[in-house]
Amino acid sequence: MLARLRRNNMNWLPKTYKDTIKKFWQNVRGVEEKTVRARTEKGRYVADDPSTPDIDEAYTTVEVAKKSKKKKKKKKRK
């Protein structure tokens, strides 16, 4: 609910500012957006509705945790 309030309160900002703030908070929380196929409650794919050409119902965006970069261990020479 808090996230919804934040989104609604940022409508006065231009889109570039919104994107900048959104990216900043994603970096702080350690998440990133990913586009995935939408699924029903049964787990089946959702089809795109042809009567709404400007909205794509077949895909949704979700926030996923960022993968941490693993450091390679240096081998010790004898």
PDB file of N, CA and C in Angstrom:
ATOM      1  N   MET A   1       0.824  -1.180   0.000  1.00  0.00           N
ATOM      2  CA  MET A   1       0.000   0.000   0.000  1.00  0.00           C
ATOM      3  C   MET A   1       0.875   1.254   0.000  1.00  0.00           C
ATOM      4  N   LEU A   2       1.959   1.217   0.747  1.00  0.00           N
ATOM      5  CA  LEU A   2       2.846   2.372   0.807  1.00  0.00           C
ATOM      6  C   LEU A   2       3.464   2.658  -0.556  1.00  0.00           C
ATOM      7  N   ALA A   3       3.812   1.591  -1.284  1.00  0.00           N
ATOM      8  CA  ALA A   3       4.383   1.781  -2.616  1.00  0.00           C
ATOM      9  C   ALA A   3       3.366   2.439  -3.541  1.00  0.00           C
ATOM     10  N   ARG A   4       2.100   2.066  -3.426  1.00  0.00           N
ATOM     11  CA  ARG A   4       1.057   2.653  -4.256  1.00  0.00           C
ATOM     12  C   ARG A   4       0.918   4.142  -3.953  1.00  0.00           C
ATOM     13  N   LEU A   5       0.992   4.519  -2.685  1.00  0.00           N
ATOM     14  CA  LEU A   5       0.902   5.927  -2.326  1.00  0.00           C
ATOM     15  C   LEU A   5       2.081   6.705  -2.881  1.00  0.00           C
ATOM     16  N   ARG A   6       3.278   6.131  -2.832  1.00  0.00           N
ATOM     17  CA  ARG A   6       4.440   6.805  -3.384  1.00  0.00           C
ATOM     18  C   ARG A   6       4.277   7.046  -4.873  1.00  0.00           C
ATOM     19  N   ARG A   7       3.788   6.021  -5.603  1.00  0.00           N
ATOM     20  CA  ARG A   7       3.608   6.175  -7.048  1.00  0.00           C
ATOM     21  C   ARG A   7       2.596   7.262  -7.359  1.00  0.00           C
ATOM     22  N   ASN A   8       1.488   7.289  -6.615  1.00  0.00           N
ATOM     23  CA  ASN A   8       0.444   8.272  -6.881  1.00  0.00           C
ATOM     24  C   ASN A   8       0.896   9.682  -6.541  1.00  0.00           C
ATOM     25  N   ASN A   9       1.748   9.848  -5.567  1.00  0.00           N
ATOM     26  CA  ASN A   9       2.208  11.177  -5.182  1.00  0.00           C
ATOM     27  C   ASN A   9       3.257  11.728  -6.133  1.00  0.00           C
ATOM     28  N   MET A  10       3.831  10.890  -6.985  1.00  0.00           N
ATOM     29  CA  MET A  10       4.883  11.341  -7.895  1.00  0.00           C
ATOM     30  C   MET A  10       4.351  11.691  -9.280  1.00  0.00           C
ATOM     31  N   ASN A  11       3.051  11.813  -9.450  1.00  0.00           N
ATOM     32  CA  ASN A  11       2.484  12.111 -10.765  1.00  0.00           C
ATOM     33  C   ASN A  11       2.864  13.500 -11.275  1.00  0.00           C
ATOM     34  N   TRP A  12       3.199  14.407 -10.405  1.00  0.00           N
ATOM     35  CA  TRP A  12       3.542  15.764 -10.841  1.00  0.00           C
ATOM     36  C   TRP A  12       4.949  15.838 -11.422  1.00  0.00           C
ATOM     37  N   LEU A  13       5.787  14.840 -11.168  1.00  0.00           N
ATOM     38  CA  LEU A  13       7.144  14.847 -11.697  1.00  0.00           C
ATOM     39  C   LEU A  13       7.169  14.416 -13.157  1.00  0.00           C
ATOM     40  N   PRO A  14       8.066  14.983 -13.950  1.00  0.00           N
ATOM     41  CA  PRO A  14       8.238  14.479 -15.316  1.00  0.00           C
ATOM     42  C   PRO A  14       8.720  13.031 -15.284  1.00  0.00           C
ATOM     43  N   LYS A  15       8.521  12.331 -16.367  1.00  0.00           N
ATOM     44  CA  LYS A  15       8.845  10.908 -16.405  1.00  0.00           C
ATOM     45  C   LYS A  15      10.321  10.638 -16.130  1.00  0.00           C
ATOM     46  N   THR A  16      11.203  11.493 -16.607  1.00  0.00           N
ATOM     47  CA  THR A  16      12.630  11.255 -16.390  1.00  0.00           C
ATOM     48  C   THR A  16      12.977  11.313 -14.909  1.00  0.00           C
ATOM     49  N   TYR A  17      12.362  12.224 -14.174  1.00  0.00           N
ATOM     50  CA  TYR A  17      12.596  12.289 -12.738  1.00  0.00           C
ATOM     51  C   TYR A  17      12.060  11.052 -12.044  1.00  0.00           C
ATOM     52  N   LYS A  18      10.867  10.616 -12.469  1.00  0.00           N
ATOM     53  CA  LYS A  18      10.289   9.402 -11.889  1.00  0.00           C
ATOM     54  C   LYS A  18      11.210   8.213 -12.087  1.00  0.00           C
ATOM     55  N   ASP A  19      11.720   8.074 -13.312  1.00  0.00           N
ATOM     56  CA  ASP A  19      12.608   6.957 -13.607  1.00  0.00           C
ATOM     57  C   ASP A  19      13.889   7.031 -12.783  1.00  0.00           C
ATOM     58  N   THR A  20      14.426   8.234 -12.632  1.00  0.00           N
ATOM     59  CA  THR A  20      15.650   8.407 -11.860  1.00  0.00           C
ATOM     60  C   THR A  20      15.429   8.020 -10.401  1.00  0.00           C
ATOM     61  N   ILE A  21      14.342   8.499  -9.828  1.00  0.00           N
ATOM     62  CA  ILE A  21      14.038   8.192  -8.426  1.00  0.00           C
ATOM     63  C   ILE A  21      13.757   6.702  -8.266  1.00  0.00           C
ATOM     64  N   LYS A  22      13.029   6.128  -9.212  1.00  0.00           N
ATOM     65  CA  LYS A  22      12.709   4.702  -9.169  1.00  0.00           C
ATOM     66  C   LYS A  22      13.982   3.856  -9.218  1.00  0.00           C
ATOM     67  N   LYS A  23      14.893   4.187 -10.131  1.00  0.00           N
ATOM     68  CA  LYS A  23      16.162   3.462 -10.246  1.00  0.00           C
ATOM     69  C   LYS A  23      16.987   3.606  -8.972  1.00  0.00           C
ATOM     70  N   PHE A  24      16.983   4.810  -8.382  1.00  0.00           N
ATOM     71  CA  PHE A  24      17.726   5.033  -7.152  1.00  0.00           C
ATOM     72  C   PHE A  24      17.234   4.114  -6.042  1.00  0.00           C
ATOM     73  N   TRP A  25      15.908   4.063  -5.852  1.00  0.00           N
ATOM     74  CA  TRP A  25      15.366   3.223  -4.786  1.00  0.00           C
ATOM     75  C   TRP A  25      15.538   1.742  -5.087  1.00  0.00           C
ATOM     76  N   GLN A  26      15.547   1.367  -6.340  1.00  0.00           N
ATOM     77  CA  GLN A  26      15.818  -0.025  -6.679  1.00  0.00           C
ATOM     78  C   GLN A  26      17.248  -0.388  -6.308  1.00  0.00           C
ATOM     79  N   ASN A  27      18.186   0.522  -6.530  1.00  0.00           N
ATOM     80  CA  ASN A  27      19.576   0.271  -6.142  1.00  0.00           C
ATOM     81  C   ASN A  27      19.716   0.189  -4.632  1.00  0.00           C
ATOM     82  N   VAL A  28      18.991   1.045  -3.915  1.00  0.00           N
ATOM     83  CA  VAL A  28      19.052   1.028  -2.455  1.00  0.00           C
ATOM     84  C   VAL A  28      18.506  -0.295  -1.916  1.00  0.00           C
ATOM     85  N   ARG A  29      17.389  -0.755  -2.474  1.00  0.00           N
ATOM     86  CA  ARG A  29      16.773  -2.003  -2.002  1.00  0.00           C
ATOM     87  C   ARG A  29      17.428  -3.250  -2.576  1.00  0.00           C
ATOM     88  N   GLY A  30      18.241  -3.097  -3.616  1.00  0.00           N
ATOM     89  CA  GLY A  30      18.915  -4.238  -4.219  1.00  0.00           C
ATOM     90  C   GLY A  30      18.017  -5.062  -5.118  1.00  0.00           C
ATOM     91  N   VAL A  31      17.110  -4.406  -5.840  1.00  0.00           N
ATOM     92  CA  VAL A  31      16.210  -5.098  -6.762  1.00  0.00           C
ATOM     93  C   VAL A  31      16.310  -4.466  -8.144  1.00  0.00           C
ATOM     94  N   GLU A  32      15.806  -5.172  -9.147  1.00  0.00           N
ATOM     95  CA  GLU A  32      15.732  -4.636 -10.499  1.00  0.00           C
ATOM     96  C   GLU A  32      14.430  -5.104 -11.144  1.00  0.00           C
ATOM     97  N   GLU A  33      13.962  -4.371 -12.148  1.00  0.00           N
ATOM     98  CA  GLU A  33      12.733  -4.742 -12.844  1.00  0.00           C
ATOM     99  C   GLU A  33      13.037  -5.721 -13.959  1.00  0.00           C
ATOM    100  N   LYS A  34      12.132  -6.667 -14.141  1.00  0.00           N
ATOM    101  CA  LYS A  34      12.282  -7.651 -15.195  1.00  0.00           C
ATOM    102  C   LYS A  34      10.908  -7.862 -15.837  1.00  0.00           C
ATOM    103  N   THR A  35      10.862  -7.940 -17.166  1.00  0.00           N
ATOM    104  CA  THR A  35       9.611  -8.176 -17.873  1.00  0.00           C
ATOM    105  C   THR A  35       9.430  -9.680 -18.067  1.00  0.00           C
ATOM    106  N   VAL A  36       8.288 -10.186 -17.615  1.00  0.00           N
ATOM    107  CA  VAL A  36       8.004 -11.618 -17.705  1.00  0.00           C
ATOM    108  C   VAL A  36       6.600 -11.817 -18.262  1.00  0.00           C
ATOM    109  N   ARG A  37       6.337 -13.028 -18.743  1.00  0.00           N
ATOM    110  CA  ARG A  37       4.999 -13.355 -19.227  1.00  0.00           C
ATOM    111  C   ARG A  37       4.024 -13.402 -18.067  1.00  0.00           C
ATOM    112  N   ALA A  38       2.846 -12.839 -18.273  1.00  0.00           N
ATOM    113  CA  ALA A  38       1.812 -12.852 -17.243  1.00  0.00           C
ATOM    114  C   ALA A  38       1.176 -14.232 -17.194  1.00  0.00           C
ATOM    115  N   ARG A  39       0.819 -14.661 -15.999  1.00  0.00           N
ATOM    116  CA  ARG A  39       0.197 -15.967 -15.813  1.00  0.00           C
ATOM    117  C   ARG A  39      -1.093 -15.833 -15.025  1.00  0.00           C
ATOM    118  N   THR A  40      -2.001 -16.782 -15.266  1.00  0.00           N
ATOM    119  CA  THR A  40      -3.255 -16.827 -14.528  1.00  0.00           C
ATOM    120  C   THR A  40      -3.011 -17.503 -13.184  1.00  0.00           C
ATOM    121  N   GLU A  41      -4.072 -17.651 -12.383  1.00  0.00           N
ATOM    122  CA  GLU A  41      -3.938 -18.319 -11.091  1.00  0.00           C
ATOM    123  C   GLU A  41      -3.588 -19.791 -11.264  1.00  0.00           C
ATOM    124  N   LYS A  42      -3.983 -20.380 -12.397  1.00  0.00           N
ATOM    125  CA  LYS A  42      -3.667 -21.784 -12.664  1.00  0.00           C
ATOM    126  C   LYS A  42      -2.259 -21.958 -13.212  1.00  0.00           C
ATOM    127  N   GLY A  43      -1.591 -20.863 -13.553  1.00  0.00           N
ATOM    128  CA  GLY A  43      -0.232 -20.943 -14.057  1.00  0.00           C
ATOM    129  C   GLY A  43      -0.129 -20.912 -15.567  1.00  0.00           C
ATOM    130  N   ARG A  44      -1.233 -20.717 -16.237  1.00  0.00           N
ATOM    131  CA  ARG A  44      -1.221 -20.643 -17.706  1.00  0.00           C
ATOM    132  C   ARG A  44      -0.927 -19.218 -18.156  1.00  0.00           C
ATOM    133  N   TYR A  45      -0.388 -19.094 -19.367  1.00  0.00           N
ATOM    134  CA  TYR A  45      -0.079 -17.772 -19.908  1.00  0.00           C
ATOM    135  C   TYR A  45      -1.347 -16.984 -20.199  1.00  0.00           C
ATOM    136  N   VAL A  46      -1.272 -15.669 -20.009  1.00  0.00           N
ATOM    137  CA  VAL A  46      -2.379 -14.771 -20.317  1.00  0.00           C
ATOM    138  C   VAL A  46      -2.207 -14.285 -21.746  1.00  0.00           C
ATOM    139  N   ALA A  47      -3.275 -14.321 -22.515  1.00  0.00           N
ATOM    140  CA  ALA A  47      -3.227 -13.857 -23.902  1.00  0.00           C
ATOM    141  C   ALA A  47      -3.392 -12.337 -23.958  1.00  0.00           C
ATOM    142  N   ASP A  48      -2.868 -11.733 -25.001  1.00  0.00           N
ATOM    143  CA  ASP A  48      -3.007 -10.298 -25.206  1.00  0.00           C
ATOM    144  C   ASP A  48      -4.394 -10.007 -25.747  1.00  0.00           C
ATOM    145  N   ASP A  49      -5.030  -8.961 -25.224  1.00  0.00           N
ATOM    146  CA  ASP A  49      -6.376  -8.580 -25.649  1.00  0.00           C
ATOM    147  C   ASP A  49      -6.262  -7.687 -26.886  1.00  0.00           C
ATOM    148  N   PRO A  50      -6.777  -8.127 -28.060  1.00  0.00           N
ATOM    149  CA  PRO A  50      -6.641  -7.322 -29.281  1.00  0.00           C
ATOM    150  C   PRO A  50      -7.456  -6.025 -29.274  1.00  0.00           C
ATOM    151  N   SER A  51      -8.435  -5.909 -28.363  1.00  0.00           N
ATOM    152  CA  SER A  51      -9.253  -4.694 -28.337  1.00  0.00           C
ATOM    153  C   SER A  51      -8.521  -3.525 -27.662  1.00  0.00           C
ATOM    154  N   THR A  52      -7.389  -3.784 -26.999  1.00  0.00           N
ATOM    155  CA  THR A  52      -6.598  -2.726 -26.378  1.00  0.00           C
ATOM    156  C   THR A  52      -5.186  -2.750 -26.962  1.00  0.00           C
ATOM    157  N   PRO A  53      -4.974  -2.070 -28.100  1.00  0.00           N
ATOM    158  CA  PRO A  53      -3.667  -2.127 -28.766  1.00  0.00           C
ATOM    159  C   PRO A  53      -2.549  -1.410 -28.009  1.00  0.00           C
ATOM    160  N   ASP A  54      -2.884  -0.441 -27.145  1.00  0.00           N
ATOM    161  CA  ASP A  54      -1.842   0.313 -26.445  1.00  0.00           C
ATOM    162  C   ASP A  54      -1.376  -0.348 -25.151  1.00  0.00           C
ATOM    163  N   ILE A  55      -2.091  -1.371 -24.671  1.00  0.00           N
ATOM    164  CA  ILE A  55      -1.731  -2.064 -23.432  1.00  0.00           C
ATOM    165  C   ILE A  55      -1.429  -3.518 -23.758  1.00  0.00           C
ATOM    166  N   ASP A  56      -0.316  -4.012 -23.226  1.00  0.00           N
ATOM    167  CA  ASP A  56       0.083  -5.392 -23.464  1.00  0.00           C
ATOM    168  C   ASP A  56      -0.185  -6.217 -22.211  1.00  0.00           C
ATOM    169  N   GLU A  57      -1.278  -6.958 -22.216  1.00  0.00           N
ATOM    170  CA  GLU A  57      -1.652  -7.754 -21.057  1.00  0.00           C
ATOM    171  C   GLU A  57      -0.828  -9.030 -20.931  1.00  0.00           C
ATOM    172  N   ALA A  58      -0.152  -9.430 -21.991  1.00  0.00           N
ATOM    173  CA  ALA A  58       0.590 -10.688 -21.990  1.00  0.00           C
ATOM    174  C   ALA A  58       1.878 -10.600 -21.177  1.00  0.00           C
ATOM    175  N   TYR A  59       2.382  -9.408 -20.927  1.00  0.00           N
ATOM    176  CA  TYR A  59       3.625  -9.245 -20.179  1.00  0.00           C
ATOM    177  C   TYR A  59       3.420  -8.318 -18.991  1.00  0.00           C
ATOM    178  N   THR A  60       4.103  -8.611 -17.902  1.00  0.00           N
ATOM    179  CA  THR A  60       4.073  -7.763 -16.717  1.00  0.00           C
ATOM    180  C   THR A  60       5.496  -7.518 -16.256  1.00  0.00           C
ATOM    181  N   THR A  61       5.687  -6.484 -15.452  1.00  0.00           N
ATOM    182  CA  THR A  61       7.006  -6.222 -14.888  1.00  0.00           C
ATOM    183  C   THR A  61       6.986  -6.605 -13.418  1.00  0.00           C
ATOM    184  N   VAL A  62       8.031  -7.273 -12.992  1.00  0.00           N
ATOM    185  CA  VAL A  62       8.164  -7.676 -11.597  1.00  0.00           C
ATOM    186  C   VAL A  62       9.524  -7.229 -11.090  1.00  0.00           C
ATOM    187  N   GLU A  63       9.620  -7.055  -9.783  1.00  0.00           N
ATOM    188  CA  GLU A  63      10.893  -6.700  -9.183  1.00  0.00           C
ATOM    189  C   GLU A  63      11.539  -7.969  -8.649  1.00  0.00           C
ATOM    190  N   VAL A  64      12.765  -8.212  -9.059  1.00  0.00           N
ATOM    191  CA  VAL A  64      13.505  -9.382  -8.597  1.00  0.00           C
ATOM    192  C   VAL A  64      14.797  -8.912  -7.933  1.00  0.00           C
ATOM    193  N   ALA A  65      15.296  -9.721  -7.013  1.00  0.00           N
ATOM    194  CA  ALA A  65      16.535  -9.377  -6.320  1.00  0.00           C
ATOM    195  C   ALA A  65      17.694  -9.438  -7.306  1.00  0.00           C
ATOM    196  N   LYS A  66      18.611  -8.499  -7.172  1.00  0.00           N
ATOM    197  CA  LYS A  66      19.783  -8.486  -8.042  1.00  0.00           C
ATOM    198  C   LYS A  66      20.691  -9.642  -7.673  1.00  0.00           C
ATOM    199  N   LYS A  67      21.306 -10.226  -8.672  1.00  0.00           N
ATOM    200  CA  LYS A  67      22.271 -11.282  -8.423  1.00  0.00           C
ATOM    201  C   LYS A  67      23.581 -10.635  -8.002  1.00  0.00           C
ATOM    202  N   SER A  68      24.159 -11.166  -6.972  1.00  0.00           N
ATOM    203  CA  SER A  68      25.425 -10.615  -6.519  1.00  0.00           C
ATOM    204  C   SER A  68      26.558 -11.140  -7.387  1.00  0.00           C
ATOM    205  N   LYS A  69      27.530 -10.308  -7.621  1.00  0.00           N
ATOM    206  CA  LYS A  69      28.662 -10.696  -8.439  1.00  0.00           C
ATOM    207  C   LYS A  69      29.640 -11.480  -7.576  1.00  0.00           C
ATOM    208  N   LYS A  70      30.014 -12.636  -8.049  1.00  0.00           N
ATOM    209  CA  LYS A  70      30.959 -13.457  -7.304  1.00  0.00           C
ATOM    210  C   LYS A  70      32.377 -13.080  -7.721  1.00  0.00           C
ATOM    211  N   LYS A  71      33.227 -12.956  -6.750  1.00  0.00           N
ATOM    212  CA  LYS A  71      34.621 -12.635  -7.022  1.00  0.00           C
ATOM    213  C   LYS A  71      35.397 -13.923  -7.215  1.00  0.00           C
ATOM    214  N   LYS A  72      36.280 -13.924  -8.171  1.00  0.00           N
ATOM    215  CA  LYS A  72      37.123 -15.074  -8.406  1.00  0.00           C
ATOM    216  C   LYS A  72      38.249 -15.104  -7.383  1.00  0.00           C
ATOM    217  N   LYS A  73      38.492 -16.271  -6.863  1.00  0.00           N
ATOM    218  CA  LYS A  73      39.578 -16.412  -5.903  1.00  0.00           C
ATOM    219  C   LYS A  73      40.897 -16.545  -6.654  1.00  0.00           C
ATOM    220  N   LYS A  74      41.882 -15.864  -6.166  1.00  0.00           N
ATOM    221  CA  LYS A  74      43.207 -15.947  -6.774  1.00  0.00           C
ATOM    222  C   LYS A  74      43.913 -17.181  -6.252  1.00  0.00           C
ATOM    223  N   LYS A  75      44.540 -17.896  -7.148  1.00  0.00           N
ATOM    224  CA  LYS A  75      45.274 -19.070  -6.740  1.00  0.00           C
ATOM    225  C   LYS A  75      46.644 -18.652  -6.222  1.00  0.00           C
ATOM    226  N   LYS A  76      47.021 -19.263  -5.144  1.00  0.00           N
ATOM    227  CA  LYS A  76      48.332 -18.965  -4.554  1.00  0.00           C
ATOM    228  C   LYS A  76      49.391 -19.780  -5.277  1.00  0.00           C
ATOM    229  N   ARG A  77      50.444 -19.121  -5.607  1.00  0.00           N
ATOM    230  CA  ARG A  77      51.561 -19.813  -6.240  1.00  0.00           C
ATOM    231  C   ARG A  77      52.560 -20.226  -5.179  1.00  0.00           C
ATOM    232  N   LYS A  78      53.112 -21.385  -5.384  1.00  0.00           N
ATOM    233  CA  LYS A  78      54.101 -21.889  -4.425  1.00  0.00           C
ATOM    234  C   LYS A  78      55.500 -21.557  -4.846  1.00  0.00           C
TER     235      LYS A  78
END
